[in-house]
Amino acid sequence: MTKTIGVRAVFALLTLSCAAALAFALYLQHAVGLEPCPLCIFQRVGVMALGVFSLLGWLFAGSLRAARPWAALSALSALGGGAVAAWHVRLQHLPADQVPSCGPGLDYMIETMPFTAMLAKVFKGSGECAVVDWTFAGLSLPELTGLFFAGALALAAWNLFRRA
């Protein structure tokens, strides 16, 4: 019983952290005026997926066995989001002459390109993805998001590999 409460507490922490991260992203977008680039949008999708799977774990993990699928899905979401954040950080650290040129907006690409071509274009990156518009403690938003995903992955893995 105590293990289940601990597992659910971790899922609760992950869920609330995701809600706070998304609220902060929306604050930066709507109050501060920072428009998200395509890679930022995909990182938000990773946070949303992590939040949904963590919420489901929080609600339905009545046992360690029942928690494992939600923990695995949470870990995969954190891995995916972390991979996008790492790629974004890589683009931000490229020399200026190697930064890809700016491309069309994500909305336009979704409407006009096949899905696989759109994904390839987004992950190639563009000039707006390499710009560092905002920092905290010397870290860019993708770096901070990467740290968030690393912490979330550690918590999800802890839930996944707990023993009774």
C-alpha atoms as a PDB file:
ATOM      1  CA  MET A   1       0.000   0.000   0.000  1.00  0.00           C
ATOM      2  CA  THR A   2       2.748   2.484   0.907  1.00  0.00           C
ATOM      3  CA  LYS A   3       4.592   1.742  -2.356  1.00  0.00           C
ATOM      4  CA  THR A   4       1.423   2.515  -4.326  1.00  0.00           C
ATOM      5  CA  ILE A   5       1.037   5.845  -2.535  1.00  0.00           C
ATOM      6  CA  GLY A   6       4.662   6.680  -3.378  1.00  0.00           C
ATOM      7  CA  VAL A   7       4.147   5.728  -7.026  1.00  0.00           C
ATOM      8  CA  ARG A   8       1.035   7.864  -7.233  1.00  0.00           C
ATOM      9  CA  ALA A   9       2.833  10.772  -5.557  1.00  0.00           C
ATOM     10  CA  VAL A  10       5.523  10.649  -8.258  1.00  0.00           C
ATOM     11  CA  PHE A  11       2.842  10.646 -10.967  1.00  0.00           C
ATOM     12  CA  ALA A  12       1.157  13.597  -9.229  1.00  0.00           C
ATOM     13  CA  LEU A  13       4.448  15.495  -9.123  1.00  0.00           C
ATOM     14  CA  LEU A  14       5.054  14.811 -12.813  1.00  0.00           C
ATOM     15  CA  THR A  15       1.518  15.857 -13.757  1.00  0.00           C
ATOM     16  CA  LEU A  16       1.659  19.108 -11.806  1.00  0.00           C
ATOM     17  CA  SER A  17       5.152  19.867 -13.116  1.00  0.00           C
ATOM     18  CA  CYS A  18       3.932  19.441 -16.688  1.00  0.00           C
ATOM     19  CA  ALA A  19       0.974  21.731 -16.024  1.00  0.00           C
ATOM     20  CA  ALA A  20       3.338  24.355 -14.586  1.00  0.00           C
ATOM     21  CA  ALA A  21       5.749  24.013 -17.528  1.00  0.00           C
ATOM     22  CA  LEU A  22       2.944  24.461 -20.054  1.00  0.00           C
ATOM     23  CA  ALA A  23       1.527  27.413 -18.126  1.00  0.00           C
ATOM     24  CA  PHE A  24       4.973  29.039 -18.128  1.00  0.00           C
ATOM     25  CA  ALA A  25       5.372  28.419 -21.877  1.00  0.00           C
ATOM     26  CA  LEU A  26       1.989  30.043 -22.518  1.00  0.00           C
ATOM     27  CA  TYR A  27       2.948  32.960 -20.270  1.00  0.00           C
ATOM     28  CA  LEU A  28       6.159  33.488 -22.253  1.00  0.00           C
ATOM     29  CA  GLN A  29       4.217  33.310 -25.498  1.00  0.00           C
ATOM     30  CA  HIS A  30       1.214  35.493 -24.644  1.00  0.00           C
ATOM     31  CA  ALA A  31       2.479  37.871 -21.937  1.00  0.00           C
ATOM     32  CA  VAL A  32       6.147  38.258 -22.882  1.00  0.00           C
ATOM     33  CA  GLY A  33       5.665  37.891 -26.642  1.00  0.00           C
ATOM     34  CA  LEU A  34       8.056  35.003 -27.369  1.00  0.00           C
ATOM     35  CA  GLU A  35       6.694  33.109 -30.358  1.00  0.00           C
ATOM     36  CA  PRO A  36       7.556  29.397 -30.268  1.00  0.00           C
ATOM     37  CA  CYS A  37       9.542  27.962 -33.157  1.00  0.00           C
ATOM     38  CA  PRO A  38       8.568  24.557 -34.635  1.00  0.00           C
ATOM     39  CA  LEU A  39      10.956  22.673 -32.317  1.00  0.00           C
ATOM     40  CA  CYS A  40       9.491  24.505 -29.314  1.00  0.00           C
ATOM     41  CA  ILE A  41       6.039  23.313 -30.375  1.00  0.00           C
ATOM     42  CA  PHE A  42       7.256  19.710 -30.519  1.00  0.00           C
ATOM     43  CA  GLN A  43       8.786  20.069 -27.054  1.00  0.00           C
ATOM     44  CA  ARG A  44       5.406  21.277 -25.812  1.00  0.00           C
ATOM     45  CA  VAL A  45       3.825  18.191 -27.349  1.00  0.00           C
ATOM     46  CA  GLY A  46       6.323  16.079 -25.378  1.00  0.00           C
ATOM     47  CA  VAL A  47       5.385  17.890 -22.154  1.00  0.00           C
ATOM     48  CA  MET A  48       1.677  17.369 -22.920  1.00  0.00           C
ATOM     49  CA  ALA A  49       2.159  13.653 -23.608  1.00  0.00           C
ATOM     50  CA  LEU A  50       4.179  13.279 -20.410  1.00  0.00           C
ATOM     51  CA  GLY A  51       1.473  15.139 -18.512  1.00  0.00           C
ATOM     52  CA  VAL A  52      -1.340  12.992 -19.897  1.00  0.00           C
ATOM     53  CA  PHE A  53       0.429   9.693 -19.177  1.00  0.00           C
ATOM     54  CA  SER A  54       1.422  10.884 -15.711  1.00  0.00           C
ATOM     55  CA  LEU A  55      -2.146  11.973 -15.006  1.00  0.00           C
ATOM     56  CA  LEU A  56      -3.435   8.562 -16.075  1.00  0.00           C
ATOM     57  CA  GLY A  57      -0.841   6.920 -13.831  1.00  0.00           C
ATOM     58  CA  TRP A  58      -1.869   9.163 -10.953  1.00  0.00           C
ATOM     59  CA  LEU A  59      -5.521   8.245 -11.438  1.00  0.00           C
ATOM     60  CA  PHE A  60      -5.248   4.544 -12.266  1.00  0.00           C
ATOM     61  CA  ALA A  61      -2.094   3.190 -10.621  1.00  0.00           C
ATOM     62  CA  GLY A  62      -3.728   1.139  -7.901  1.00  0.00           C
ATOM     63  CA  SER A  63      -0.743  -1.187  -7.734  1.00  0.00           C
ATOM     64  CA  LEU A  64       2.876  -1.260  -8.832  1.00  0.00           C
ATOM     65  CA  ARG A  65       1.915  -3.571 -11.680  1.00  0.00           C
ATOM     66  CA  ALA A  66      -0.795  -1.163 -12.860  1.00  0.00           C
ATOM     67  CA  ALA A  67       1.674   1.747 -12.648  1.00  0.00           C
ATOM     68  CA  ARG A  68       4.276   0.243 -14.960  1.00  0.00           C
ATOM     69  CA  PRO A  69       2.580   0.916 -18.326  1.00  0.00           C
ATOM     70  CA  TRP A  70       1.965   4.550 -17.373  1.00  0.00           C
ATOM     71  CA  ALA A  71       5.524   4.888 -16.102  1.00  0.00           C
ATOM     72  CA  ALA A  72       6.874   3.399 -19.340  1.00  0.00           C
ATOM     73  CA  LEU A  73       4.765   5.754 -21.470  1.00  0.00           C
ATOM     74  CA  SER A  74       5.828   8.687 -19.289  1.00  0.00           C
ATOM     75  CA  ALA A  75       9.477   7.699 -19.695  1.00  0.00           C
ATOM     76  CA  LEU A  76       9.102   7.400 -23.477  1.00  0.00           C
ATOM     77  CA  SER A  77       7.469  10.835 -23.609  1.00  0.00           C
ATOM     78  CA  ALA A  78      10.322  12.300 -21.575  1.00  0.00           C
ATOM     79  CA  LEU A  79      12.869  10.605 -23.853  1.00  0.00           C
ATOM     80  CA  GLY A  80      11.174  11.909 -26.983  1.00  0.00           C
ATOM     81  CA  GLY A  81      10.809  15.428 -25.637  1.00  0.00           C
ATOM     82  CA  GLY A  82      14.372  15.365 -24.354  1.00  0.00           C
ATOM     83  CA  ALA A  83      15.642  14.279 -27.766  1.00  0.00           C
ATOM     84  CA  VAL A  84      13.869  17.227 -29.415  1.00  0.00           C
ATOM     85  CA  ALA A  85      15.269  19.583 -26.765  1.00  0.00           C
ATOM     86  CA  ALA A  86      18.782  18.208 -27.325  1.00  0.00           C
ATOM     87  CA  TRP A  87      18.460  18.715 -31.075  1.00  0.00           C
ATOM     88  CA  HIS A  88      17.228  22.258 -30.465  1.00  0.00           C
ATOM     89  CA  VAL A  89      20.200  22.983 -28.181  1.00  0.00           C
ATOM     90  CA  ARG A  90      22.521  21.610 -30.882  1.00  0.00           C
ATOM     91  CA  LEU A  91      21.055  24.056 -33.406  1.00  0.00           C
ATOM     92  CA  GLN A  92      21.499  26.930 -30.956  1.00  0.00           C
ATOM     93  CA  HIS A  93      25.184  26.118 -30.560  1.00  0.00           C
ATOM     94  CA  LEU A  94      25.997  25.872 -34.269  1.00  0.00           C
ATOM     95  CA  PRO A  95      28.340  28.491 -35.709  1.00  0.00           C
ATOM     96  CA  ALA A  96      26.387  31.269 -37.450  1.00  0.00           C
ATOM     97  CA  ASP A  97      27.467  30.135 -40.926  1.00  0.00           C
ATOM     98  CA  GLN A  98      26.071  26.624 -40.321  1.00  0.00           C
ATOM     99  CA  VAL A  99      22.613  27.636 -39.057  1.00  0.00           C
ATOM    100  CA  PRO A 100      19.913  26.558 -41.527  1.00  0.00           C
ATOM    101  CA  SER A 101      17.991  29.372 -43.178  1.00  0.00           C
ATOM    102  CA  CYS A 102      14.562  30.349 -41.863  1.00  0.00           C
ATOM    103  CA  GLY A 103      11.717  28.430 -43.404  1.00  0.00           C
ATOM    104  CA  PRO A 104       7.937  28.644 -43.504  1.00  0.00           C
ATOM    105  CA  GLY A 105       5.898  28.498 -40.306  1.00  0.00           C
ATOM    106  CA  LEU A 106       4.739  25.207 -38.826  1.00  0.00           C
ATOM    107  CA  ASP A 107       1.070  25.918 -39.679  1.00  0.00           C
ATOM    108  CA  TYR A 108       1.950  26.400 -43.340  1.00  0.00           C
ATOM    109  CA  MET A 109       4.071  23.238 -43.431  1.00  0.00           C
ATOM    110  CA  ILE A 110       1.299  21.160 -41.837  1.00  0.00           C
ATOM    111  CA  GLU A 111      -1.227  22.411 -44.384  1.00  0.00           C
ATOM    112  CA  THR A 112       0.926  22.064 -47.502  1.00  0.00           C
ATOM    113  CA  MET A 113       3.423  19.242 -46.956  1.00  0.00           C
ATOM    114  CA  PRO A 114       3.073  15.505 -46.515  1.00  0.00           C
ATOM    115  CA  PHE A 115       3.527  14.579 -42.845  1.00  0.00           C
ATOM    116  CA  THR A 116       6.928  12.907 -43.289  1.00  0.00           C
ATOM    117  CA  ALA A 117       8.274  15.832 -45.330  1.00  0.00           C
ATOM    118  CA  MET A 118       7.009  18.274 -42.704  1.00  0.00           C
ATOM    119  CA  LEU A 119       8.708  16.312 -39.902  1.00  0.00           C
ATOM    120  CA  ALA A 120      11.960  16.142 -41.851  1.00  0.00           C
ATOM    121  CA  LYS A 121      11.870  19.904 -42.438  1.00  0.00           C
ATOM    122  CA  VAL A 122      11.091  20.665 -38.773  1.00  0.00           C
ATOM    123  CA  PHE A 123      13.872  18.456 -37.444  1.00  0.00           C
ATOM    124  CA  LYS A 124      16.362  19.847 -39.913  1.00  0.00           C
ATOM    125  CA  GLY A 125      15.709  23.069 -38.062  1.00  0.00           C
ATOM    126  CA  SER A 126      15.609  26.615 -39.258  1.00  0.00           C
ATOM    127  CA  GLY A 127      17.089  29.969 -38.394  1.00  0.00           C
ATOM    128  CA  GLU A 128      14.402  30.868 -35.878  1.00  0.00           C
ATOM    129  CA  CYS A 129      15.162  27.664 -33.942  1.00  0.00           C
ATOM    130  CA  ALA A 130      18.777  28.733 -33.474  1.00  0.00           C
ATOM    131  CA  VAL A 131      17.928  32.123 -31.956  1.00  0.00           C
ATOM    132  CA  VAL A 132      18.201  32.410 -28.162  1.00  0.00           C
ATOM    133  CA  ASP A 133      15.491  34.909 -27.210  1.00  0.00           C
ATOM    134  CA  TRP A 134      15.336  34.298 -23.477  1.00  0.00           C
ATOM    135  CA  THR A 135      17.572  32.821 -20.792  1.00  0.00           C
ATOM    136  CA  PHE A 136      17.373  31.994 -17.116  1.00  0.00           C
ATOM    137  CA  ALA A 137      20.558  31.402 -15.108  1.00  0.00           C
ATOM    138  CA  GLY A 138      22.458  31.452 -18.385  1.00  0.00           C
ATOM    139  CA  LEU A 139      20.403  28.614 -19.896  1.00  0.00           C
ATOM    140  CA  SER A 140      18.181  28.910 -22.973  1.00  0.00           C
ATOM    141  CA  LEU A 141      14.622  27.595 -22.992  1.00  0.00           C
ATOM    142  CA  PRO A 142      15.571  24.374 -24.835  1.00  0.00           C
ATOM    143  CA  GLU A 143      18.350  23.770 -22.295  1.00  0.00           C
ATOM    144  CA  LEU A 144      15.918  24.294 -19.424  1.00  0.00           C
ATOM    145  CA  THR A 145      13.371  22.060 -21.128  1.00  0.00           C
ATOM    146  CA  GLY A 146      16.024  19.391 -21.598  1.00  0.00           C
ATOM    147  CA  LEU A 147      16.773  19.499 -17.862  1.00  0.00           C
ATOM    148  CA  PHE A 148      13.043  19.233 -17.163  1.00  0.00           C
ATOM    149  CA  PHE A 149      12.801  16.140 -19.376  1.00  0.00           C
ATOM    150  CA  ALA A 150      15.884  14.599 -17.739  1.00  0.00           C
ATOM    151  CA  GLY A 151      14.322  14.992 -14.289  1.00  0.00           C
ATOM    152  CA  ALA A 152      10.998  13.664 -15.530  1.00  0.00           C
ATOM    153  CA  LEU A 153      12.737  10.666 -17.101  1.00  0.00           C
ATOM    154  CA  ALA A 154      14.464   9.903 -13.790  1.00  0.00           C
ATOM    155  CA  LEU A 155      11.153  10.013 -11.908  1.00  0.00           C
ATOM    156  CA  ALA A 156       9.315   7.950 -14.525  1.00  0.00           C
ATOM    157  CA  ALA A 157      12.125   5.365 -14.525  1.00  0.00           C
ATOM    158  CA  TRP A 158      12.002   5.247 -10.736  1.00  0.00           C
ATOM    159  CA  ASN A 159       8.297   4.396 -10.938  1.00  0.00           C
ATOM    160  CA  LEU A 160       8.926   1.914 -13.734  1.00  0.00           C
ATOM    161  CA  PHE A 161      11.623  -0.090 -11.981  1.00  0.00           C
ATOM    162  CA  ARG A 162      10.355  -0.076  -8.384  1.00  0.00           C
ATOM    163  CA  ARG A 163      10.139  -3.392  -6.616  1.00  0.00           C
ATOM    164  CA  ALA A 164       7.344  -4.461  -4.312  1.00  0.00           C
END
